[in-house]
Structure formats: structure tokens, C-alpha cells
């Protein structure tokens, strides 16, 4: 699902990432480890469209 996350539409990526973190009860680090994603690249990609990670909520907002 996240094999090409760097090229995904950022809003679809946002939805998929938040869905996985919510459904699997993962934080950002666990999500990135589980799906072999670079945390910095993911965060930068979502920040480019105005979203940042909320540690307490375990989601990008």
C-alpha cells in the first residue's frame, strides 16, 4: 500500500496514514517501521500540504 508513498497524492496519503495508525493503534514511528517508510520523508511530504503530526492524537492534522 505504501510502496510509492513519496509519489502518492498527499491527501490520499494523509487519509491512508491516519487510517492505518487509528485501526492498528500505531504511532508514527511504529507505522514507519511496520511499512518500511522513511519518517522524515513522510513527515516532510505531509507538511508540504499543511499537515503536521500530533503525538497525542496519533494522527496528522
PDB file of N, CA and C in Angstrom:
ATOM      1  N   UNK A   1       0.809  -1.203   0.000  1.00  0.00           N
ATOM      2  CA  UNK A   1       0.000   0.000   0.000  1.00  0.00           C
ATOM      3  C   UNK A   1       0.853   1.269   0.000  1.00  0.00           C
ATOM      4  N   UNK A   2       1.941   1.243   0.747  1.00  0.00           N
ATOM      5  CA  UNK A   2       2.760   2.448   0.863  1.00  0.00           C
ATOM      6  C   UNK A   2       4.049   2.361   0.052  1.00  0.00           C
ATOM      7  N   UNK A   3       4.112   1.424  -0.879  1.00  0.00           N
ATOM      8  CA  UNK A   3       5.338   1.232  -1.652  1.00  0.00           C
ATOM      9  C   UNK A   3       5.763   2.504  -2.385  1.00  0.00           C
ATOM     10  N   UNK A   4       4.804   3.289  -2.829  1.00  0.00           N
ATOM     11  CA  UNK A   4       5.119   4.515  -3.577  1.00  0.00           C
ATOM     12  C   UNK A   4       4.590   5.750  -2.862  1.00  0.00           C
ATOM     13  N   UNK A   5       4.686   5.758  -1.561  1.00  0.00           N
ATOM     14  CA  UNK A   5       4.100   6.857  -0.785  1.00  0.00           C
ATOM     15  C   UNK A   5       4.676   8.221  -1.143  1.00  0.00           C
ATOM     16  N   UNK A   6       5.909   8.254  -1.595  1.00  0.00           N
ATOM     17  CA  UNK A   6       6.533   9.541  -1.927  1.00  0.00           C
ATOM     18  C   UNK A   6       5.869  10.203  -3.135  1.00  0.00           C
ATOM     19  N   UNK A   7       5.216   9.411  -3.977  1.00  0.00           N
ATOM     20  CA  UNK A   7       4.582   9.944  -5.184  1.00  0.00           C
ATOM     21  C   UNK A   7       3.062   9.963  -5.106  1.00  0.00           C
ATOM     22  N   UNK A   8       2.507   9.486  -3.999  1.00  0.00           N
ATOM     23  CA  UNK A   8       1.052   9.463  -3.849  1.00  0.00           C
ATOM     24  C   UNK A   8       0.505  10.880  -3.707  1.00  0.00           C
ATOM     25  N   UNK A   9      -0.738  11.050  -4.117  1.00  0.00           N
ATOM     26  CA  UNK A   9      -1.422  12.306  -3.846  1.00  0.00           C
ATOM     27  C   UNK A   9      -1.360  12.530  -2.334  1.00  0.00           C
ATOM     28  N   UNK A  10      -0.938  13.706  -1.881  1.00  0.00           N
ATOM     29  CA  UNK A  10      -0.741  13.912  -0.444  1.00  0.00           C
ATOM     30  C   UNK A  10      -2.012  13.765   0.393  1.00  0.00           C
ATOM     31  N   UNK A  11      -3.161  14.050  -0.186  1.00  0.00           N
ATOM     32  CA  UNK A  11      -4.404  13.940   0.580  1.00  0.00           C
ATOM     33  C   UNK A  11      -4.847  12.482   0.714  1.00  0.00           C
ATOM     34  N   UNK A  12      -4.583  11.683  -0.307  1.00  0.00           N
ATOM     35  CA  UNK A  12      -4.849  10.246  -0.207  1.00  0.00           C
ATOM     36  C   UNK A  12      -3.870   9.625   0.780  1.00  0.00           C
ATOM     37  N   UNK A  13      -2.618  10.053   0.716  1.00  0.00           N
ATOM     38  CA  UNK A  13      -1.610   9.575   1.659  1.00  0.00           C
ATOM     39  C   UNK A  13      -2.004   9.914   3.089  1.00  0.00           C
ATOM     40  N   UNK A  14      -2.440  11.134   3.312  1.00  0.00           N
ATOM     41  CA  UNK A  14      -2.888  11.559   4.639  1.00  0.00           C
ATOM     42  C   UNK A  14      -3.992  10.640   5.156  1.00  0.00           C
ATOM     43  N   UNK A  15      -4.974  10.398   4.330  1.00  0.00           N
ATOM     44  CA  UNK A  15      -6.096   9.547   4.716  1.00  0.00           C
ATOM     45  C   UNK A  15      -5.631   8.131   5.041  1.00  0.00           C
ATOM     46  N   UNK A  16      -4.784   7.566   4.192  1.00  0.00           N
ATOM     47  CA  UNK A  16      -4.304   6.198   4.395  1.00  0.00           C
ATOM     48  C   UNK A  16      -3.448   6.077   5.653  1.00  0.00           C
ATOM     49  N   UNK A  17      -2.568   7.038   5.867  1.00  0.00           N
ATOM     50  CA  UNK A  17      -1.688   7.018   7.040  1.00  0.00           C
ATOM     51  C   UNK A  17      -2.508   7.130   8.324  1.00  0.00           C
ATOM     52  N   UNK A  18      -3.421   8.079   8.376  1.00  0.00           N
ATOM     53  CA  UNK A  18      -4.246   8.237   9.579  1.00  0.00           C
ATOM     54  C   UNK A  18      -5.125   7.016   9.817  1.00  0.00           C
ATOM     55  N   UNK A  19      -5.650   6.429   8.753  1.00  0.00           N
ATOM     56  CA  UNK A  19      -6.462   5.218   8.872  1.00  0.00           C
ATOM     57  C   UNK A  19      -5.650   4.074   9.472  1.00  0.00           C
ATOM     58  N   UNK A  20      -4.452   3.844   8.947  1.00  0.00           N
ATOM     59  CA  UNK A  20      -3.601   2.759   9.457  1.00  0.00           C
ATOM     60  C   UNK A  20      -3.225   2.998  10.919  1.00  0.00           C
ATOM     61  N   UNK A  21      -2.852   4.222  11.266  1.00  0.00           N
ATOM     62  CA  UNK A  21      -2.468   4.497  12.657  1.00  0.00           C
ATOM     63  C   UNK A  21      -3.647   4.287  13.593  1.00  0.00           C
ATOM     64  N   UNK A  22      -4.832   4.709  13.176  1.00  0.00           N
ATOM     65  CA  UNK A  22      -6.024   4.548  14.011  1.00  0.00           C
ATOM     66  C   UNK A  22      -6.418   3.071  14.133  1.00  0.00           C
ATOM     67  N   UNK A  23      -6.528   2.375  13.007  1.00  0.00           N
ATOM     68  CA  UNK A  23      -7.004   0.990  13.023  1.00  0.00           C
ATOM     69  C   UNK A  23      -6.026   0.012  13.652  1.00  0.00           C
ATOM     70  N   UNK A  24      -4.733   0.285  13.526  1.00  0.00           N
ATOM     71  CA  UNK A  24      -3.719  -0.621  14.056  1.00  0.00           C
ATOM     72  C   UNK A  24      -3.089  -0.092  15.341  1.00  0.00           C
ATOM     73  N   UNK A  25      -3.613   1.026  15.839  1.00  0.00           N
ATOM     74  CA  UNK A  25      -3.128   1.650  17.073  1.00  0.00           C
ATOM     75  C   UNK A  25      -1.607   1.839  17.054  1.00  0.00           C
ATOM     76  N   UNK A  26      -1.114   2.463  15.993  1.00  0.00           N
ATOM     77  CA  UNK A  26       0.312   2.705  15.822  1.00  0.00           C
ATOM     78  C   UNK A  26       0.616   4.185  15.980  1.00  0.00           C
ATOM     79  N   UNK A  27       1.798   4.484  16.496  1.00  0.00           N
ATOM     80  CA  UNK A  27       2.253   5.869  16.434  1.00  0.00           C
ATOM     81  C   UNK A  27       3.062   6.023  15.146  1.00  0.00           C
ATOM     82  N   UNK A  28       3.559   7.197  14.886  1.00  0.00           N
ATOM     83  CA  UNK A  28       4.251   7.465  13.629  1.00  0.00           C
ATOM     84  C   UNK A  28       5.479   6.575  13.453  1.00  0.00           C
ATOM     85  N   UNK A  29       6.283   6.437  14.485  1.00  0.00           N
ATOM     86  CA  UNK A  29       7.496   5.617  14.392  1.00  0.00           C
ATOM     87  C   UNK A  29       7.152   4.154  14.104  1.00  0.00           C
ATOM     88  N   UNK A  30       6.138   3.639  14.780  1.00  0.00           N
ATOM     89  CA  UNK A  30       5.722   2.244  14.566  1.00  0.00           C
ATOM     90  C   UNK A  30       5.181   2.046  13.150  1.00  0.00           C
ATOM     91  N   UNK A  31       4.410   3.010  12.677  1.00  0.00           N
ATOM     92  CA  UNK A  31       3.873   2.938  11.320  1.00  0.00           C
ATOM     93  C   UNK A  31       5.010   2.871  10.303  1.00  0.00           C
ATOM     94  N   UNK A  32       5.980   3.747  10.463  1.00  0.00           N
ATOM     95  CA  UNK A  32       7.098   3.801   9.522  1.00  0.00           C
ATOM     96  C   UNK A  32       7.931   2.529   9.565  1.00  0.00           C
ATOM     97  N   UNK A  33       8.126   1.977  10.735  1.00  0.00           N
ATOM     98  CA  UNK A  33       8.863   0.721  10.858  1.00  0.00           C
ATOM     99  C   UNK A  33       8.087  -0.421  10.215  1.00  0.00           C
ATOM    100  N   UNK A  34       6.812  -0.517  10.531  1.00  0.00           N
ATOM    101  CA  UNK A  34       5.967  -1.591  10.013  1.00  0.00           C
ATOM    102  C   UNK A  34       5.887  -1.575   8.492  1.00  0.00           C
ATOM    103  N   UNK A  35       5.743  -0.396   7.910  1.00  0.00           N
ATOM    104  CA  UNK A  35       5.550  -0.281   6.464  1.00  0.00           C
ATOM    105  C   UNK A  35       6.803   0.182   5.719  1.00  0.00           C
ATOM    106  N   UNK A  36       7.947   0.143   6.403  1.00  0.00           N
ATOM    107  CA  UNK A  36       9.249   0.464   5.813  1.00  0.00           C
ATOM    108  C   UNK A  36       9.244   1.812   5.090  1.00  0.00           C
ATOM    109  N   UNK A  37       8.791   2.830   5.818  1.00  0.00           N
ATOM    110  CA  UNK A  37       8.773   4.188   5.281  1.00  0.00           C
ATOM    111  C   UNK A  37       9.787   5.038   6.034  1.00  0.00           C
ATOM    112  N   UNK A  38      10.308   6.031   5.367  1.00  0.00           N
ATOM    113  CA  UNK A  38      11.218   6.981   5.990  1.00  0.00           C
ATOM    114  C   UNK A  38      10.374   8.039   6.703  1.00  0.00           C
ATOM    115  N   UNK A  39      10.496   8.086   8.025  1.00  0.00           N
ATOM    116  CA  UNK A  39       9.666   9.004   8.821  1.00  0.00           C
ATOM    117  C   UNK A  39       9.861  10.458   8.404  1.00  0.00           C
ATOM    118  N   UNK A  40      11.096  10.841   8.155  1.00  0.00           N
ATOM    119  CA  UNK A  40      11.387  12.227   7.764  1.00  0.00           C
ATOM    120  C   UNK A  40      10.727  12.569   6.424  1.00  0.00           C
ATOM    121  N   UNK A  41      10.847  11.670   5.450  1.00  0.00           N
ATOM    122  CA  UNK A  41      10.256  11.922   4.130  1.00  0.00           C
ATOM    123  C   UNK A  41       8.736  11.990   4.205  1.00  0.00           C
ATOM    124  N   UNK A  42       8.144  11.090   4.988  1.00  0.00           N
ATOM    125  CA  UNK A  42       6.689  11.088   5.141  1.00  0.00           C
ATOM    126  C   UNK A  42       6.217  12.382   5.793  1.00  0.00           C
ATOM    127  N   UNK A  43       6.865  12.763   6.868  1.00  0.00           N
ATOM    128  CA  UNK A  43       6.502  13.987   7.583  1.00  0.00           C
ATOM    129  C   UNK A  43       6.667  15.208   6.680  1.00  0.00           C
ATOM    130  N   UNK A  44       7.760  15.248   5.941  1.00  0.00           N
ATOM    131  CA  UNK A  44       8.018  16.366   5.028  1.00  0.00           C
ATOM    132  C   UNK A  44       6.959  16.425   3.928  1.00  0.00           C
ATOM    133  N   UNK A  45       6.588  15.266   3.398  1.00  0.00           N
ATOM    134  CA  UNK A  45       5.579  15.209   2.327  1.00  0.00           C
ATOM    135  C   UNK A  45       4.242  15.758   2.808  1.00  0.00           C
ATOM    136  N   UNK A  46       3.824  15.354   3.996  1.00  0.00           N
ATOM    137  CA  UNK A  46       2.538  15.819   4.513  1.00  0.00           C
ATOM    138  C   UNK A  46       2.607  17.267   4.994  1.00  0.00           C
ATOM    139  N   UNK A  47       3.765  17.677   5.466  1.00  0.00           N
ATOM    140  CA  UNK A  47       3.926  19.072   5.886  1.00  0.00           C
ATOM    141  C   UNK A  47       3.841  20.017   4.685  1.00  0.00           C
ATOM    142  N   UNK A  48       4.235  19.528   3.511  1.00  0.00           N
ATOM    143  CA  UNK A  48       4.202  20.362   2.305  1.00  0.00           C
ATOM    144  C   UNK A  48       2.786  20.789   1.927  1.00  0.00           C
ATOM    145  N   UNK A  49       1.781  20.083   2.449  1.00  0.00           N
ATOM    146  CA  UNK A  49       0.385  20.459   2.191  1.00  0.00           C
ATOM    147  C   UNK A  49      -0.316  20.901   3.475  1.00  0.00           C
ATOM    148  N   UNK A  50       0.490  21.221   4.497  1.00  0.00           N
ATOM    149  CA  UNK A  50      -0.063  21.855   5.686  1.00  0.00           C
ATOM    150  C   UNK A  50      -0.410  20.966   6.868  1.00  0.00           C
ATOM    151  N   UNK A  51       0.028  19.714   6.860  1.00  0.00           N
ATOM    152  CA  UNK A  51      -0.304  18.814   7.960  1.00  0.00           C
ATOM    153  C   UNK A  51       0.929  18.481   8.790  1.00  0.00           C
ATOM    154  N   UNK A  52       0.743  18.416  10.101  1.00  0.00           N
ATOM    155  CA  UNK A  52       1.830  18.016  10.987  1.00  0.00           C
ATOM    156  C   UNK A  52       1.322  16.918  11.914  1.00  0.00           C
ATOM    157  N   UNK A  53       2.255  16.159  12.468  1.00  0.00           N
ATOM    158  CA  UNK A  53       1.900  15.016  13.301  1.00  0.00           C
ATOM    159  C   UNK A  53       1.570  15.463  14.718  1.00  0.00           C
ATOM    160  N   UNK A  54       0.444  15.005  15.226  1.00  0.00           N
ATOM    161  CA  UNK A  54       0.010  15.266  16.597  1.00  0.00           C
ATOM    162  C   UNK A  54       0.261  13.991  17.399  1.00  0.00           C
ATOM    163  N   UNK A  55       1.270  14.025  18.269  1.00  0.00           N
ATOM    164  CA  UNK A  55       1.663  12.832  19.031  1.00  0.00           C
ATOM    165  C   UNK A  55       0.559  12.327  19.947  1.00  0.00           C
ATOM    166  N   UNK A  56      -0.163  13.229  20.567  1.00  0.00           N
ATOM    167  CA  UNK A  56      -1.224  12.818  21.492  1.00  0.00           C
ATOM    168  C   UNK A  56      -2.362  12.108  20.774  1.00  0.00           C
ATOM    169  N   UNK A  57      -2.727  12.609  19.616  1.00  0.00           N
ATOM    170  CA  UNK A  57      -3.834  12.031  18.852  1.00  0.00           C
ATOM    171  C   UNK A  57      -3.392  10.894  17.929  1.00  0.00           C
ATOM    172  N   UNK A  58      -2.076  10.760  17.755  1.00  0.00           N
ATOM    173  CA  UNK A  58      -1.504   9.770  16.836  1.00  0.00           C
ATOM    174  C   UNK A  58      -2.093   9.921  15.435  1.00  0.00           C
ATOM    175  N   UNK A  59      -2.066  11.157  14.949  1.00  0.00           N
ATOM    176  CA  UNK A  59      -2.544  11.409  13.595  1.00  0.00           C
ATOM    177  C   UNK A  59      -1.979  12.716  13.064  1.00  0.00           C
ATOM    178  N   UNK A  60      -2.027  12.846  11.752  1.00  0.00           N
ATOM    179  CA  UNK A  60      -1.645  14.101  11.119  1.00  0.00           C
ATOM    180  C   UNK A  60      -2.869  14.988  11.072  1.00  0.00           C
ATOM    181  N   UNK A  61      -2.674  16.271  11.384  1.00  0.00           N
ATOM    182  CA  UNK A  61      -3.772  17.247  11.377  1.00  0.00           C
ATOM    183  C   UNK A  61      -3.326  18.485  10.647  1.00  0.00           C
TER     184      UNK A  61
END
